[in-house]
C-alpha cells in the first residue's frame, strides 16, 4: 500500500510529519543517517497503527540514499508522498567555513533533495502522480547562518525547477518554509507545522500551492 517516504526523519518536525500522515492511514518509510530514525519509527508506531519502516542512509551519499528509497518502494510501493527534511543546521558566518565544509552542507541541504526527488518522482508520475515536499526555511538570509541561508535559498530554487520538470506529470512539488524556531507547545509546535504538509498533499491540482510559510506571527 503506497504511503509516505520521509528523508531526514529525526525527532521533532520529522517525527511529527511522519505521525501526521500515519494517522491518515499511510504507511511510513523513515530514512535518516543516525539511529535516531529508530526512535522516530517507535514514536510513529505509538501514535498510529500503520506499518513503519526505519532505514539508515546519509542523504549526501547518493548510492546509499537510492538504495534506501528502493527498499521503501519494495516494502510499501511507490509512495504517494515524498518529504525531504534533511539539513545541516549550524551557526557560521561568511568566511568561517572552508570550501569542503560548504560543499558538505550543500550536499545535504540541496543535492540530497534533488537526488531523492529525481529518483522517486518519475516513478510517482508513472503511477499517476503524487506529492513532493521539501522543508525550507530562512526566507530572509542571515549572516550568522550563512551555509543554511545558502542551502534554503537553493531549496526554494530547486522547488521551482522540480515543479517545471514533474508538475505536468501530476507530481505536486512544494516547500514548507519554516521561518522560525520550532518550539513544542507554542504556535511553532512541530505538530502544527506538520499540518501544512498534509494540507499540501490534499490540495486538488487546480489549487496547488508551491510554498507555505510558517512563522511565529501567523501561518500563511
C-alpha atoms as a PDB file:
ATOM      1  CA  UNK A   1       0.000   0.000   0.000  1.00  0.00           C
ATOM      2  CA  UNK A   2       1.544   3.349  -1.029  1.00  0.00           C
ATOM      3  CA  UNK A   3       2.359   5.815   1.702  1.00  0.00           C
ATOM      4  CA  UNK A   4       4.923   8.341   2.886  1.00  0.00           C
ATOM      5  CA  UNK A   5       8.691   8.316   2.476  1.00  0.00           C
ATOM      6  CA  UNK A   6      10.429  10.893   4.658  1.00  0.00           C
ATOM      7  CA  UNK A   7      14.149  11.578   4.320  1.00  0.00           C
ATOM      8  CA  UNK A   8      15.637  13.310   7.339  1.00  0.00           C
ATOM      9  CA  UNK A   9      13.281  11.661   9.784  1.00  0.00           C
ATOM     10  CA  UNK A  10      14.629  12.980  13.060  1.00  0.00           C
ATOM     11  CA  UNK A  11      12.856  13.832  16.300  1.00  0.00           C
ATOM     12  CA  UNK A  12      10.788  16.987  16.225  1.00  0.00           C
ATOM     13  CA  UNK A  13       9.400  18.002  12.847  1.00  0.00           C
ATOM     14  CA  UNK A  14      10.352  14.792  11.042  1.00  0.00           C
ATOM     15  CA  UNK A  15       8.577  12.636  13.599  1.00  0.00           C
ATOM     16  CA  UNK A  16       5.573  14.980  13.612  1.00  0.00           C
ATOM     17  CA  UNK A  17       5.210  14.845   9.822  1.00  0.00           C
ATOM     18  CA  UNK A  18       5.541  11.060   9.793  1.00  0.00           C
ATOM     19  CA  UNK A  19       2.919  10.713  12.518  1.00  0.00           C
ATOM     20  CA  UNK A  20       0.555  13.144  10.763  1.00  0.00           C
ATOM     21  CA  UNK A  21       0.498  11.051   7.611  1.00  0.00           C
ATOM     22  CA  UNK A  22       0.425   7.839   9.595  1.00  0.00           C
ATOM     23  CA  UNK A  23      -2.759   8.978  11.341  1.00  0.00           C
ATOM     24  CA  UNK A  24      -4.364   9.155   7.911  1.00  0.00           C
ATOM     25  CA  UNK A  25      -3.515   5.507   7.301  1.00  0.00           C
ATOM     26  CA  UNK A  26      -0.415   5.949   5.138  1.00  0.00           C
ATOM     27  CA  UNK A  27       2.416   3.500   5.835  1.00  0.00           C
ATOM     28  CA  UNK A  28       5.658   5.311   6.645  1.00  0.00           C
ATOM     29  CA  UNK A  29       9.217   4.708   5.497  1.00  0.00           C
ATOM     30  CA  UNK A  30      11.544   6.855   7.606  1.00  0.00           C
ATOM     31  CA  UNK A  31      15.115   7.458   6.418  1.00  0.00           C
ATOM     32  CA  UNK A  32      17.898   9.135   8.383  1.00  0.00           C
ATOM     33  CA  UNK A  33      21.642   8.795   8.791  1.00  0.00           C
ATOM     34  CA  UNK A  34      21.610   8.194  12.554  1.00  0.00           C
ATOM     35  CA  UNK A  35      19.995   5.637  14.809  1.00  0.00           C
ATOM     36  CA  UNK A  36      17.539   8.351  15.863  1.00  0.00           C
ATOM     37  CA  UNK A  37      15.423   7.061  12.980  1.00  0.00           C
ATOM     38  CA  UNK A  38      14.606   4.037  15.136  1.00  0.00           C
ATOM     39  CA  UNK A  39      13.249   6.351  17.819  1.00  0.00           C
ATOM     40  CA  UNK A  40      11.182   8.178  15.226  1.00  0.00           C
ATOM     41  CA  UNK A  41       9.767   4.899  13.980  1.00  0.00           C
ATOM     42  CA  UNK A  42       8.891   3.926  17.549  1.00  0.00           C
ATOM     43  CA  UNK A  43       7.212   7.296  18.122  1.00  0.00           C
ATOM     44  CA  UNK A  44       5.139   6.951  14.957  1.00  0.00           C
ATOM     45  CA  UNK A  45       4.281   3.403  15.929  1.00  0.00           C
ATOM     46  CA  UNK A  46       2.869   4.553  19.259  1.00  0.00           C
ATOM     47  CA  UNK A  47       0.849   7.369  17.672  1.00  0.00           C
ATOM     48  CA  UNK A  48      -0.551   5.384  14.743  1.00  0.00           C
ATOM     49  CA  UNK A  49      -1.358   1.837  13.709  1.00  0.00           C
ATOM     50  CA  UNK A  50       0.352   1.879  10.308  1.00  0.00           C
ATOM     51  CA  UNK A  51       3.428  -0.092   9.235  1.00  0.00           C
ATOM     52  CA  UNK A  52       6.611   1.902   9.861  1.00  0.00           C
ATOM     53  CA  UNK A  53       9.934   1.086   8.229  1.00  0.00           C
ATOM     54  CA  UNK A  54      13.147   2.609   9.630  1.00  0.00           C
ATOM     55  CA  UNK A  55      16.099   2.855   7.227  1.00  0.00           C
ATOM     56  CA  UNK A  56      19.606   4.230   7.701  1.00  0.00           C
ATOM     57  CA  UNK A  57      21.171   6.289   4.897  1.00  0.00           C
ATOM     58  CA  UNK A  58      23.139   9.511   4.596  1.00  0.00           C
ATOM     59  CA  UNK A  59      21.341  11.817   2.173  1.00  0.00           C
ATOM     60  CA  UNK A  60      24.689  13.071   0.863  1.00  0.00           C
ATOM     61  CA  UNK A  61      25.572   9.501  -0.235  1.00  0.00           C
ATOM     62  CA  UNK A  62      23.629   9.124  -3.454  1.00  0.00           C
ATOM     63  CA  UNK A  63      24.045   5.366  -3.771  1.00  0.00           C
ATOM     64  CA  UNK A  64      23.017   4.744  -0.158  1.00  0.00           C
ATOM     65  CA  UNK A  65      20.059   7.103  -0.448  1.00  0.00           C
ATOM     66  CA  UNK A  66      18.825   5.459  -3.637  1.00  0.00           C
ATOM     67  CA  UNK A  67      19.214   2.019  -2.057  1.00  0.00           C
ATOM     68  CA  UNK A  68      17.105   3.084   0.946  1.00  0.00           C
ATOM     69  CA  UNK A  69      14.450   4.580  -1.324  1.00  0.00           C
ATOM     70  CA  UNK A  70      14.318   1.346  -3.314  1.00  0.00           C
ATOM     71  CA  UNK A  71      13.825  -0.657  -0.123  1.00  0.00           C
ATOM     72  CA  UNK A  72      10.965   1.661   0.821  1.00  0.00           C
ATOM     73  CA  UNK A  73       9.323   1.165  -2.574  1.00  0.00           C
ATOM     74  CA  UNK A  74       9.757  -2.613  -2.348  1.00  0.00           C
ATOM     75  CA  UNK A  75       8.129  -2.602   1.083  1.00  0.00           C
ATOM     76  CA  UNK A  76       5.207  -0.192   0.595  1.00  0.00           C
ATOM     77  CA  UNK A  77       5.013   0.526  -3.137  1.00  0.00           C
ATOM     78  CA  UNK A  78       5.698   3.784  -4.973  1.00  0.00           C
ATOM     79  CA  UNK A  79       4.868   6.428  -2.372  1.00  0.00           C
ATOM     80  CA  UNK A  80       2.024   8.905  -2.525  1.00  0.00           C
ATOM     81  CA  UNK A  81       4.249  11.413  -0.745  1.00  0.00           C
ATOM     82  CA  UNK A  82       7.972  12.131  -0.513  1.00  0.00           C
ATOM     83  CA  UNK A  83       9.121  14.571   2.166  1.00  0.00           C
ATOM     84  CA  UNK A  84      12.726  15.751   2.245  1.00  0.00           C
ATOM     85  CA  UNK A  85      13.503  17.113   5.688  1.00  0.00           C
ATOM     86  CA  UNK A  86      17.274  16.594   5.938  1.00  0.00           C
ATOM     87  CA  UNK A  87      19.520  19.581   6.660  1.00  0.00           C
ATOM     88  CA  UNK A  88      22.794  20.545   8.266  1.00  0.00           C
ATOM     89  CA  UNK A  89      21.818  23.258  10.725  1.00  0.00           C
ATOM     90  CA  UNK A  90      24.658  25.232  12.263  1.00  0.00           C
ATOM     91  CA  UNK A  91      25.788  28.730  13.040  1.00  0.00           C
ATOM     92  CA  UNK A  92      28.508  30.020  10.738  1.00  0.00           C
ATOM     93  CA  UNK A  93      29.405  33.421   9.359  1.00  0.00           C
ATOM     94  CA  UNK A  94      30.892  34.351   5.967  1.00  0.00           C
ATOM     95  CA  UNK A  95      34.448  33.078   5.734  1.00  0.00           C
ATOM     96  CA  UNK A  96      34.271  30.741   8.741  1.00  0.00           C
ATOM     97  CA  UNK A  97      33.765  27.510   6.804  1.00  0.00           C
ATOM     98  CA  UNK A  98      36.210  26.153   4.296  1.00  0.00           C
ATOM     99  CA  UNK A  99      35.186  25.035   0.826  1.00  0.00           C
ATOM    100  CA  UNK A 100      34.704  21.395   1.795  1.00  0.00           C
ATOM    101  CA  UNK A 101      32.503  22.300   4.746  1.00  0.00           C
ATOM    102  CA  UNK A 102      30.289  24.387   2.489  1.00  0.00           C
ATOM    103  CA  UNK A 103      30.123  21.556  -0.040  1.00  0.00           C
ATOM    104  CA  UNK A 104      29.197  19.092   2.702  1.00  0.00           C
ATOM    105  CA  UNK A 105      26.356  21.350   3.822  1.00  0.00           C
ATOM    106  CA  UNK A 106      25.152  21.937   0.261  1.00  0.00           C
ATOM    107  CA  UNK A 107      25.185  18.214  -0.484  1.00  0.00           C
ATOM    108  CA  UNK A 108      22.723  17.568   2.362  1.00  0.00           C
ATOM    109  CA  UNK A 109      20.662  20.760   2.212  1.00  0.00           C
ATOM    110  CA  UNK A 110      20.114  20.800  -1.552  1.00  0.00           C
ATOM    111  CA  UNK A 111      21.670  17.982  -3.567  1.00  0.00           C
ATOM    112  CA  UNK A 112      20.238  15.243  -1.372  1.00  0.00           C
ATOM    113  CA  UNK A 113      16.776  16.642  -2.040  1.00  0.00           C
ATOM    114  CA  UNK A 114      17.401  16.640  -5.778  1.00  0.00           C
ATOM    115  CA  UNK A 115      18.729  13.077  -5.671  1.00  0.00           C
ATOM    116  CA  UNK A 116      15.729  11.836  -3.695  1.00  0.00           C
ATOM    117  CA  UNK A 117      13.165  13.574  -5.878  1.00  0.00           C
ATOM    118  CA  UNK A 118      14.709  12.667  -9.224  1.00  0.00           C
ATOM    119  CA  UNK A 119      14.836   9.036  -8.092  1.00  0.00           C
ATOM    120  CA  UNK A 120      11.203   8.790  -6.973  1.00  0.00           C
ATOM    121  CA  UNK A 121       9.262  11.453  -8.903  1.00  0.00           C
ATOM    122  CA  UNK A 122       9.479   9.653 -12.275  1.00  0.00           C
ATOM    123  CA  UNK A 123       8.072   6.534 -10.595  1.00  0.00           C
ATOM    124  CA  UNK A 124       5.326   8.601  -8.984  1.00  0.00           C
ATOM    125  CA  UNK A 125       4.469  10.121 -12.359  1.00  0.00           C
ATOM    126  CA  UNK A 126       4.207   6.665 -13.942  1.00  0.00           C
ATOM    127  CA  UNK A 127       1.607   5.559 -11.390  1.00  0.00           C
ATOM    128  CA  UNK A 128      -0.486   8.715 -11.706  1.00  0.00           C
ATOM    129  CA  UNK A 129       1.255  11.373  -9.616  1.00  0.00           C
ATOM    130  CA  UNK A 130       1.939  12.245  -6.026  1.00  0.00           C
ATOM    131  CA  UNK A 131       3.302  14.919  -3.728  1.00  0.00           C
ATOM    132  CA  UNK A 132       6.878  16.033  -3.072  1.00  0.00           C
ATOM    133  CA  UNK A 133       7.501  18.428  -0.181  1.00  0.00           C
ATOM    134  CA  UNK A 134      10.895  19.839   0.766  1.00  0.00           C
ATOM    135  CA  UNK A 135      11.333  21.520   4.131  1.00  0.00           C
ATOM    136  CA  UNK A 136      12.511  25.077   3.527  1.00  0.00           C
ATOM    137  CA  UNK A 137      13.453  27.953   5.775  1.00  0.00           C
ATOM    138  CA  UNK A 138      15.392  31.193   6.065  1.00  0.00           C
ATOM    139  CA  UNK A 139      13.131  33.303   3.818  1.00  0.00           C
ATOM    140  CA  UNK A 140      15.455  36.171   4.732  1.00  0.00           C
ATOM    141  CA  UNK A 141      19.173  35.251   4.671  1.00  0.00           C
ATOM    142  CA  UNK A 142      21.016  35.726   7.976  1.00  0.00           C
ATOM    143  CA  UNK A 143      24.768  36.207   8.107  1.00  0.00           C
ATOM    144  CA  UNK A 144      25.160  34.181  11.311  1.00  0.00           C
ATOM    145  CA  UNK A 145      23.625  31.189   9.474  1.00  0.00           C
ATOM    146  CA  UNK A 146      25.424  31.552   6.178  1.00  0.00           C
ATOM    147  CA  UNK A 147      25.549  27.928   4.992  1.00  0.00           C
ATOM    148  CA  UNK A 148      21.945  27.282   5.974  1.00  0.00           C
ATOM    149  CA  UNK A 149      20.777  30.526   4.328  1.00  0.00           C
ATOM    150  CA  UNK A 150      22.501  29.488   1.110  1.00  0.00           C
ATOM    151  CA  UNK A 151      21.032  25.999   1.354  1.00  0.00           C
ATOM    152  CA  UNK A 152      17.467  27.150   1.922  1.00  0.00           C
ATOM    153  CA  UNK A 153      17.757  29.621  -0.969  1.00  0.00           C
ATOM    154  CA  UNK A 154      18.798  26.617  -3.025  1.00  0.00           C
ATOM    155  CA  UNK A 155      15.756  24.682  -1.803  1.00  0.00           C
ATOM    156  CA  UNK A 156      13.446  27.450  -2.968  1.00  0.00           C
ATOM    157  CA  UNK A 157      15.044  27.447  -6.432  1.00  0.00           C
ATOM    158  CA  UNK A 158      15.047  23.648  -6.546  1.00  0.00           C
ATOM    159  CA  UNK A 159      11.333  23.512  -5.777  1.00  0.00           C
ATOM    160  CA  UNK A 160      10.591  25.681  -8.813  1.00  0.00           C
ATOM    161  CA  UNK A 161      12.916  23.629 -11.006  1.00  0.00           C
ATOM    162  CA  UNK A 162      11.382  20.313  -9.942  1.00  0.00           C
ATOM    163  CA  UNK A 163       7.877  21.676 -10.455  1.00  0.00           C
ATOM    164  CA  UNK A 164       8.834  22.586 -14.009  1.00  0.00           C
ATOM    165  CA  UNK A 165      10.218  19.093 -14.501  1.00  0.00           C
ATOM    166  CA  UNK A 166       7.460  16.989 -12.925  1.00  0.00           C
ATOM    167  CA  UNK A 167       4.391  19.173 -12.382  1.00  0.00           C
ATOM    168  CA  UNK A 168       2.859  18.430 -15.754  1.00  0.00           C
ATOM    169  CA  UNK A 169       3.167  14.721 -14.946  1.00  0.00           C
ATOM    170  CA  UNK A 170       0.937  15.098 -11.911  1.00  0.00           C
ATOM    171  CA  UNK A 171       3.605  15.444  -9.231  1.00  0.00           C
ATOM    172  CA  UNK A 172       2.890  18.333  -6.871  1.00  0.00           C
ATOM    173  CA  UNK A 173       6.227  19.825  -5.778  1.00  0.00           C
ATOM    174  CA  UNK A 174       6.151  22.278  -2.875  1.00  0.00           C
ATOM    175  CA  UNK A 175       8.056  23.563   0.123  1.00  0.00           C
ATOM    176  CA  UNK A 176       7.034  24.265   3.690  1.00  0.00           C
ATOM    177  CA  UNK A 177       9.185  27.212   4.724  1.00  0.00           C
ATOM    178  CA  UNK A 178       9.762  27.198   8.461  1.00  0.00           C
ATOM    179  CA  UNK A 179      10.552  30.830   9.223  1.00  0.00           C
ATOM    180  CA  UNK A 180      11.004  30.398  12.969  1.00  0.00           C
ATOM    181  CA  UNK A 181      12.490  28.253  15.679  1.00  0.00           C
ATOM    182  CA  UNK A 182      10.444  25.114  16.308  1.00  0.00           C
ATOM    183  CA  UNK A 183       9.281  25.074  19.939  1.00  0.00           C
ATOM    184  CA  UNK A 184       6.898  22.402  21.244  1.00  0.00           C
ATOM    185  CA  UNK A 185       3.822  23.711  22.997  1.00  0.00           C
ATOM    186  CA  UNK A 186       3.828  27.063  21.197  1.00  0.00           C
ATOM    187  CA  UNK A 187       2.461  28.360  17.905  1.00  0.00           C
ATOM    188  CA  UNK A 188       5.558  26.827  16.290  1.00  0.00           C
ATOM    189  CA  UNK A 189       4.931  23.340  17.659  1.00  0.00           C
ATOM    190  CA  UNK A 190       6.071  20.653  15.208  1.00  0.00           C
ATOM    191  CA  UNK A 191       2.602  19.110  15.135  1.00  0.00           C
ATOM    192  CA  UNK A 192       1.160  22.440  13.957  1.00  0.00           C
ATOM    193  CA  UNK A 193       3.788  22.768  11.236  1.00  0.00           C
ATOM    194  CA  UNK A 194       3.155  19.177  10.141  1.00  0.00           C
ATOM    195  CA  UNK A 195      -0.412  20.167   9.281  1.00  0.00           C
ATOM    196  CA  UNK A 196       0.942  22.179   6.324  1.00  0.00           C
ATOM    197  CA  UNK A 197       2.467  19.062   4.803  1.00  0.00           C
ATOM    198  CA  UNK A 198      -0.834  17.231   4.975  1.00  0.00           C
ATOM    199  CA  UNK A 199      -2.696  20.260   3.588  1.00  0.00           C
ATOM    200  CA  UNK A 200      -0.352  20.461   0.594  1.00  0.00           C
ATOM    201  CA  UNK A 201      -0.816  16.781  -0.124  1.00  0.00           C
ATOM    202  CA  UNK A 202      -4.596  17.098  -0.038  1.00  0.00           C
ATOM    203  CA  UNK A 203      -4.808  20.080  -2.399  1.00  0.00           C
ATOM    204  CA  UNK A 204      -6.658  19.491  -5.690  1.00  0.00           C
ATOM    205  CA  UNK A 205      -4.440  20.066  -8.704  1.00  0.00           C
ATOM    206  CA  UNK A 206      -6.255  23.263  -9.666  1.00  0.00           C
ATOM    207  CA  UNK A 207      -5.413  24.704  -6.230  1.00  0.00           C
ATOM    208  CA  UNK A 208      -1.807  23.580  -5.866  1.00  0.00           C
ATOM    209  CA  UNK A 209       0.374  25.863  -3.775  1.00  0.00           C
ATOM    210  CA  UNK A 210       4.137  25.643  -4.088  1.00  0.00           C
ATOM    211  CA  UNK A 211       5.068  27.235  -0.777  1.00  0.00           C
ATOM    212  CA  UNK A 212       3.523  27.569   2.662  1.00  0.00           C
ATOM    213  CA  UNK A 213       5.355  29.721   5.210  1.00  0.00           C
ATOM    214  CA  UNK A 214       5.052  29.093   8.939  1.00  0.00           C
ATOM    215  CA  UNK A 215       6.248  31.881  11.209  1.00  0.00           C
ATOM    216  CA  UNK A 216       5.703  32.972  14.793  1.00  0.00           C
ATOM    217  CA  UNK A 217       3.111  35.532  13.695  1.00  0.00           C
ATOM    218  CA  UNK A 218       0.772  33.507  11.528  1.00  0.00           C
ATOM    219  CA  UNK A 219       0.981  30.570   9.134  1.00  0.00           C
ATOM    220  CA  UNK A 220       0.476  31.606   5.512  1.00  0.00           C
END
